[in-house]
Amino acid sequence: MAVWVVVLVAAAEVVAVVLAAAVAAAVVAAVPLVAGKIWWLVKSCLVASDWGLGANMQNKFKQLTGIAALEGQWLRRRHFDESVLAQVAERIRQSESEHSGELVVAVEAMMPSHEKDAHLRALEVYGRLRVWDTPLNSGVLLYLALDKRAIEIIADRGIDASSAQWQQVCADLQTRLAKGEYVEGLMAAVDAIQTILKTHAPHSPDHQTNALPDMPVVL
């Protein structure tokens, strides 16, 4: 009798091991599938761009769940590749021959943990990229925080354009981004800034061409 008990216990242990192995294999096989479905859902969320002012609650939800960080990285890879950055750089280079302004475009996929405010982060980037360091104090930073859906323009004191003019550029760009027109919107914003600089930072004999790099900076 004792022998049969031992055999039954051993058989039960074997079955348990087999079942555990089967469950583990199923979990391992399911992880990529689940991850793929989650990533598909994230990408689906990206189709309906939420740069508009009416999407604050949605943006806050994405920040809390961590989706915003994934979204920012995805947007950067999808819309700001090397060819797009080269197009923007060439547009800046051509325009800067007509005025003394120096435009720097910075695109950040995900803002750092130490700074949650987009405007303060833009000021930090402005200093870090030395946009302030131009002979005529004519540097301008166009900053995009993709995870925060934020657009900021910081202009040096040598440019006497009004805040309303810069705000209009940001509003127009925000509208284009909300429609998914990333490349077109960014190029239009660059052109709008260059138009402002032609009036408020006219060409000067003291201007040193390309005091700042034309190539957009990806942070």
Protein backbone atom coordinates (compact mmCIF):
# COMPACT_ATOMS: atom_id res chain seq x y z
CA MET A 1 0.00 0.00 0.00
CA ALA A 2 2.81 2.35 0.91
CA VAL A 3 4.42 1.68 -2.48
CA TRP A 4 1.25 2.78 -4.32
CA VAL A 5 1.09 6.00 -2.26
CA VAL A 6 4.67 6.80 -3.17
CA VAL A 7 3.95 6.12 -6.84
CA LEU A 8 0.85 8.30 -6.82
CA VAL A 9 2.70 11.16 -5.11
CA ALA A 10 5.52 10.91 -7.62
CA ALA A 11 3.06 10.88 -10.51
CA ALA A 12 1.33 13.95 -9.11
CA GLU A 13 4.66 15.75 -8.85
CA VAL A 14 5.48 14.89 -12.47
CA VAL A 15 2.11 16.19 -13.63
CA ALA A 16 2.62 19.38 -11.63
CA VAL A 17 6.03 19.92 -13.20
CA VAL A 18 4.65 19.31 -16.68
CA LEU A 19 1.77 21.72 -16.10
CA ALA A 20 4.13 24.38 -14.69
CA ALA A 21 6.39 24.02 -17.70
CA ALA A 22 3.42 24.32 -20.03
CA VAL A 23 2.18 27.45 -18.26
CA ALA A 24 5.65 29.00 -18.33
CA ALA A 25 5.98 28.27 -22.04
CA ALA A 26 2.59 29.83 -22.70
CA VAL A 27 3.55 32.96 -20.76
CA VAL A 28 6.86 33.29 -22.60
CA ALA A 29 5.09 32.87 -25.92
CA ALA A 30 2.41 35.38 -24.97
CA VAL A 31 4.74 38.16 -23.83
CA PRO A 32 5.81 39.28 -27.33
CA LEU A 33 2.21 39.04 -28.50
CA VAL A 34 0.91 41.11 -25.60
CA ALA A 35 3.75 43.59 -25.97
CA GLY A 36 3.00 43.83 -29.67
CA LYS A 37 -0.67 44.49 -29.02
CA ILE A 38 0.17 47.14 -26.42
CA TRP A 39 2.57 48.84 -28.85
CA TRP A 40 -0.12 48.65 -31.56
CA LEU A 41 -2.54 50.39 -29.19
CA VAL A 42 0.05 53.06 -28.43
CA LYS A 43 0.65 53.61 -32.15
CA SER A 44 -3.09 53.75 -32.72
CA CYS A 45 -3.33 56.52 -30.14
CA LEU A 46 -0.70 58.43 -32.07
CA VAL A 47 -2.83 58.57 -35.20
CA ALA A 48 -5.18 61.06 -33.55
CA SER A 49 -2.67 63.77 -32.72
CA ASP A 50 -3.49 65.75 -29.61
CA TRP A 51 -1.48 68.94 -29.96
CA GLY A 52 -4.69 70.95 -29.62
CA LEU A 53 -5.44 72.93 -26.48
CA GLY A 54 -8.57 70.86 -25.86
CA ALA A 55 -6.55 67.72 -25.21
CA ASN A 56 -5.07 68.65 -21.84
CA MET A 57 -6.82 65.82 -19.97
CA GLN A 58 -5.67 63.27 -22.53
CA ASN A 59 -2.10 64.57 -22.30
CA LYS A 60 -2.16 64.37 -18.49
CA PHE A 61 -3.39 60.79 -18.69
CA LYS A 62 -0.54 59.91 -21.04
CA GLN A 63 1.96 61.54 -18.71
CA LEU A 64 0.68 59.54 -15.73
CA THR A 65 0.66 56.22 -17.59
CA GLY A 66 4.04 56.69 -19.28
CA ILE A 67 2.50 56.54 -22.75
CA ALA A 68 3.69 60.09 -23.46
CA ALA A 69 7.34 59.03 -23.27
CA LEU A 70 6.80 56.18 -25.74
CA GLU A 71 4.79 58.49 -27.94
CA GLY A 72 7.51 61.15 -27.95
CA GLN A 73 10.14 58.63 -29.02
CA TRP A 74 7.85 57.27 -31.74
CA LEU A 75 7.03 60.74 -33.07
CA ARG A 76 10.71 61.66 -33.23
CA ARG A 77 11.62 58.53 -35.19
CA ARG A 78 8.64 58.81 -37.51
CA HIS A 79 8.67 62.53 -38.35
CA PHE A 80 12.17 63.86 -37.64
CA ASP A 81 14.59 61.61 -39.46
CA GLU A 82 17.90 62.74 -40.96
CA SER A 83 16.38 63.77 -44.29
CA VAL A 84 13.82 66.03 -42.63
CA LEU A 85 16.46 67.59 -40.39
CA ALA A 86 18.63 68.24 -43.45
CA GLN A 87 15.71 69.97 -45.21
CA VAL A 88 15.16 72.23 -42.21
CA ALA A 89 18.88 73.01 -41.99
CA GLU A 90 19.00 73.99 -45.65
CA ARG A 91 15.95 76.23 -45.27
CA ILE A 92 17.56 77.97 -42.29
CA ARG A 93 20.86 78.37 -44.13
CA GLN A 94 19.23 79.99 -47.14
CA SER A 95 17.12 82.38 -45.07
CA GLU A 96 19.85 83.59 -42.76
CA SER A 97 21.60 85.36 -45.63
CA GLU A 98 18.75 87.90 -45.58
CA HIS A 99 18.90 88.96 -41.91
CA SER A 100 21.15 88.94 -38.85
CA GLY A 101 19.07 86.48 -36.84
CA GLU A 102 20.30 83.01 -35.89
CA LEU A 103 17.62 80.32 -35.62
CA VAL A 104 18.18 77.07 -33.75
CA VAL A 105 15.55 74.31 -33.85
CA ALA A 106 15.57 71.79 -31.00
CA VAL A 107 13.34 68.72 -30.91
CA GLU A 108 13.12 66.72 -27.69
CA ALA A 109 11.38 63.35 -27.64
CA MET A 110 11.08 63.19 -23.86
CA MET A 111 11.73 65.97 -21.38
CA PRO A 112 14.17 65.09 -18.57
CA SER A 113 12.85 64.12 -15.16
CA HIS A 114 14.45 67.11 -13.44
CA GLU A 115 12.32 69.63 -15.37
CA LYS A 116 8.59 69.20 -15.98
CA ASP A 117 7.82 72.73 -17.21
CA ALA A 118 8.26 73.12 -20.96
CA HIS A 119 9.04 76.85 -20.83
CA LEU A 120 11.72 76.39 -18.18
CA ARG A 121 13.13 73.48 -20.13
CA ALA A 122 13.25 75.65 -23.26
CA LEU A 123 15.23 78.26 -21.32
CA GLU A 124 17.59 75.53 -20.18
CA VAL A 125 18.09 74.30 -23.76
CA TYR A 126 18.52 77.91 -24.90
CA GLY A 127 21.45 78.23 -22.52
CA ARG A 128 22.86 74.78 -23.13
CA LEU A 129 22.97 75.28 -26.92
CA ARG A 130 24.43 78.77 -26.42
CA VAL A 131 21.71 80.45 -28.47
CA TRP A 132 22.45 83.55 -26.41
CA ASP A 133 26.05 83.59 -27.61
CA THR A 134 25.82 85.56 -30.87
CA PRO A 135 27.63 88.80 -31.78
CA LEU A 136 24.40 90.79 -32.16
CA ASN A 137 22.33 89.02 -29.49
CA SER A 138 20.07 87.80 -32.27
CA GLY A 139 19.61 84.12 -31.47
CA VAL A 140 16.19 82.45 -31.57
CA LEU A 141 15.30 79.01 -30.26
CA LEU A 142 12.32 77.05 -31.58
CA TYR A 143 11.81 74.23 -29.08
CA LEU A 144 9.46 71.24 -29.44
CA ALA A 145 8.82 68.84 -26.56
CA LEU A 146 7.10 65.91 -28.23
CA ASP A 147 6.07 64.07 -25.07
CA LYS A 148 4.55 67.23 -23.56
CA ARG A 149 3.05 68.45 -26.84
CA ALA A 150 4.70 71.78 -26.11
CA ILE A 151 6.13 74.48 -28.40
CA GLU A 152 8.28 77.33 -27.11
CA ILE A 153 10.15 80.19 -28.78
CA ILE A 154 12.93 81.99 -26.90
CA ALA A 155 14.41 85.09 -28.58
CA ASP A 156 17.44 87.08 -27.50
CA ARG A 157 17.26 90.77 -26.59
CA GLY A 158 18.68 91.93 -29.91
CA ILE A 159 15.39 91.06 -31.65
CA ASP A 160 12.59 93.55 -31.00
CA ALA A 161 9.68 91.38 -32.18
CA SER A 162 6.61 91.29 -29.94
CA SER A 163 5.48 88.34 -27.85
CA ALA A 164 2.28 88.25 -29.89
CA GLN A 165 4.27 87.53 -33.05
CA TRP A 166 6.08 84.59 -31.48
CA GLN A 167 2.85 83.30 -29.95
CA GLN A 168 1.21 83.35 -33.37
CA VAL A 169 4.01 81.23 -34.82
CA CYS A 170 3.55 78.72 -31.99
CA ALA A 171 -0.24 78.66 -32.46
CA ASP A 172 0.05 78.11 -36.21
CA LEU A 173 2.57 75.31 -35.72
CA GLN A 174 0.38 73.71 -33.06
CA THR A 175 -2.53 73.70 -35.51
CA ARG A 176 -0.44 72.04 -38.23
CA LEU A 177 0.91 69.41 -35.83
CA ALA A 178 -2.61 68.63 -34.64
CA LYS A 179 -3.42 67.75 -38.26
CA GLY A 180 -0.39 65.48 -38.47
CA GLU A 181 1.47 67.89 -40.75
CA TYR A 182 4.79 67.62 -38.94
CA VAL A 183 7.24 68.34 -41.73
CA GLU A 184 5.06 70.94 -43.44
CA GLY A 185 4.22 72.60 -40.14
CA LEU A 186 7.82 72.80 -39.02
CA MET A 187 8.97 74.23 -42.35
CA ALA A 188 6.17 76.80 -42.25
CA ALA A 189 7.19 77.79 -38.71
CA VAL A 190 10.80 78.22 -39.83
CA ASP A 191 9.64 80.43 -42.70
CA ALA A 192 7.43 82.48 -40.37
CA ILE A 193 10.30 83.05 -37.96
CA GLN A 194 12.59 84.05 -40.80
CA THR A 195 9.99 86.58 -41.98
CA ILE A 196 9.90 88.11 -38.50
CA LEU A 197 13.69 88.26 -38.38
CA LYS A 198 13.89 90.07 -41.71
CA THR A 199 11.94 92.94 -40.13
CA HIS A 200 13.16 92.84 -36.55
CA ALA A 201 16.74 91.67 -37.10
CA PRO A 202 17.71 93.13 -40.47
CA HIS A 203 20.97 92.22 -42.11
CA SER A 204 23.97 94.03 -40.64
CA PRO A 205 27.57 94.38 -41.88
CA ASP A 206 28.66 93.08 -38.48
CA HIS A 207 26.66 89.89 -38.87
CA GLN A 208 28.74 86.71 -38.96
CA THR A 209 26.93 84.14 -41.08
CA ASN A 210 26.19 80.88 -39.26
CA ALA A 211 27.26 81.94 -35.81
CA LEU A 212 25.08 79.03 -34.69
CA PRO A 213 24.61 75.62 -36.39
CA ASP A 214 21.77 75.33 -38.90
CA MET A 215 21.17 71.62 -38.33
CA PRO A 216 18.29 71.03 -35.88
CA VAL A 217 19.29 69.49 -32.57
CA VAL A 218 17.56 66.29 -31.45
CA LEU A 219 17.71 65.93 -27.68
